[in-house]
Amino acid sequence: MDTVDDTMRMKPPWTPSGKFVQRVGKSLHRRLRTMAKKDGVSLNRLVESILSEKVGEKNGTPRT
């Protein structure tokens, strides 16, 4: 079975598509949906914002 590293090596250079699937529990999904609605943004935009903040990106600029 190929590993992620093997797959990336087969298709150099690997460029992220900007898409990935993440499953979350129903309770977390409900809370995120509620937060997004309260903030007036899509669930996708909310999760992108949370992830960007966590990894230290501001407006798409990675933390160095």
Protein backbone atom coordinates (compact mmCIF):
# COMPACT_ATOMS: atom_id res chain seq x y z
CA MET A 1 0.00 0.00 0.00
CA ASP A 2 1.30 3.46 -0.90
CA THR A 3 1.91 5.94 1.86
CA VAL A 4 1.15 9.64 1.53
CA ASP A 5 4.89 10.28 1.07
CA ASP A 6 5.04 7.69 -1.74
CA THR A 7 2.06 9.29 -3.47
CA MET A 8 3.58 12.78 -3.25
CA ARG A 9 6.87 11.52 -4.67
CA MET A 10 5.11 10.07 -7.70
CA LYS A 11 3.69 13.43 -8.80
CA PRO A 12 6.35 16.09 -8.28
CA PRO A 13 5.92 18.89 -7.65
CA TRP A 14 2.94 18.35 -5.38
CA THR A 15 0.63 21.34 -5.21
CA PRO A 16 -2.20 21.46 -2.67
CA SER A 17 -5.63 21.65 -4.26
CA GLY A 18 -7.13 23.64 -1.40
CA LYS A 19 -9.59 20.86 -0.64
CA PHE A 20 -9.66 18.17 2.01
CA VAL A 21 -12.36 16.25 3.85
CA GLN A 22 -12.51 16.21 7.64
CA ARG A 23 -15.16 14.32 9.54
CA VAL A 24 -16.29 15.77 12.87
CA GLY A 25 -18.79 14.61 15.44
CA LYS A 26 -22.39 15.78 15.26
CA SER A 27 -22.07 17.96 18.36
CA LEU A 28 -19.00 19.80 17.03
CA HIS A 29 -20.62 20.19 13.62
CA ARG A 30 -23.71 21.70 15.27
CA ARG A 31 -21.61 24.14 17.34
CA LEU A 32 -19.55 25.20 14.30
CA ARG A 33 -22.70 25.71 12.23
CA THR A 34 -24.18 27.85 15.01
CA MET A 35 -21.00 29.94 15.24
CA ALA A 36 -20.94 30.45 11.47
CA LYS A 37 -24.57 31.53 11.41
CA LYS A 38 -23.98 33.95 14.30
CA ASP A 39 -20.95 35.42 12.50
CA GLY A 40 -22.83 35.63 9.19
CA VAL A 41 -20.30 33.46 7.32
CA SER A 42 -20.32 30.06 5.69
CA LEU A 43 -19.25 27.02 7.67
CA ASN A 44 -16.32 26.66 5.26
CA ARG A 45 -15.18 30.26 5.86
CA LEU A 46 -15.45 29.83 9.65
CA VAL A 47 -13.38 26.63 9.67
CA GLU A 48 -10.80 28.21 7.33
CA SER A 49 -10.52 31.17 9.70
CA ILE A 50 -10.12 28.93 12.76
CA LEU A 51 -7.46 26.80 11.06
CA SER A 52 -5.58 29.85 9.75
CA GLU A 53 -5.54 31.40 13.20
CA LYS A 54 -4.29 28.16 14.73
CA VAL A 55 -1.37 27.82 12.32
CA GLY A 56 -0.59 31.52 12.51
CA GLU A 57 -1.70 32.74 9.10
CA LYS A 58 -3.12 36.20 8.58
CA ASN A 59 -4.76 36.85 5.22
CA GLY A 60 -3.10 33.79 3.69
CA THR A 61 0.42 34.69 4.85
CA PRO A 62 2.09 31.81 6.71
CA ARG A 63 3.72 32.44 10.07
CA THR A 64 7.52 32.36 9.82
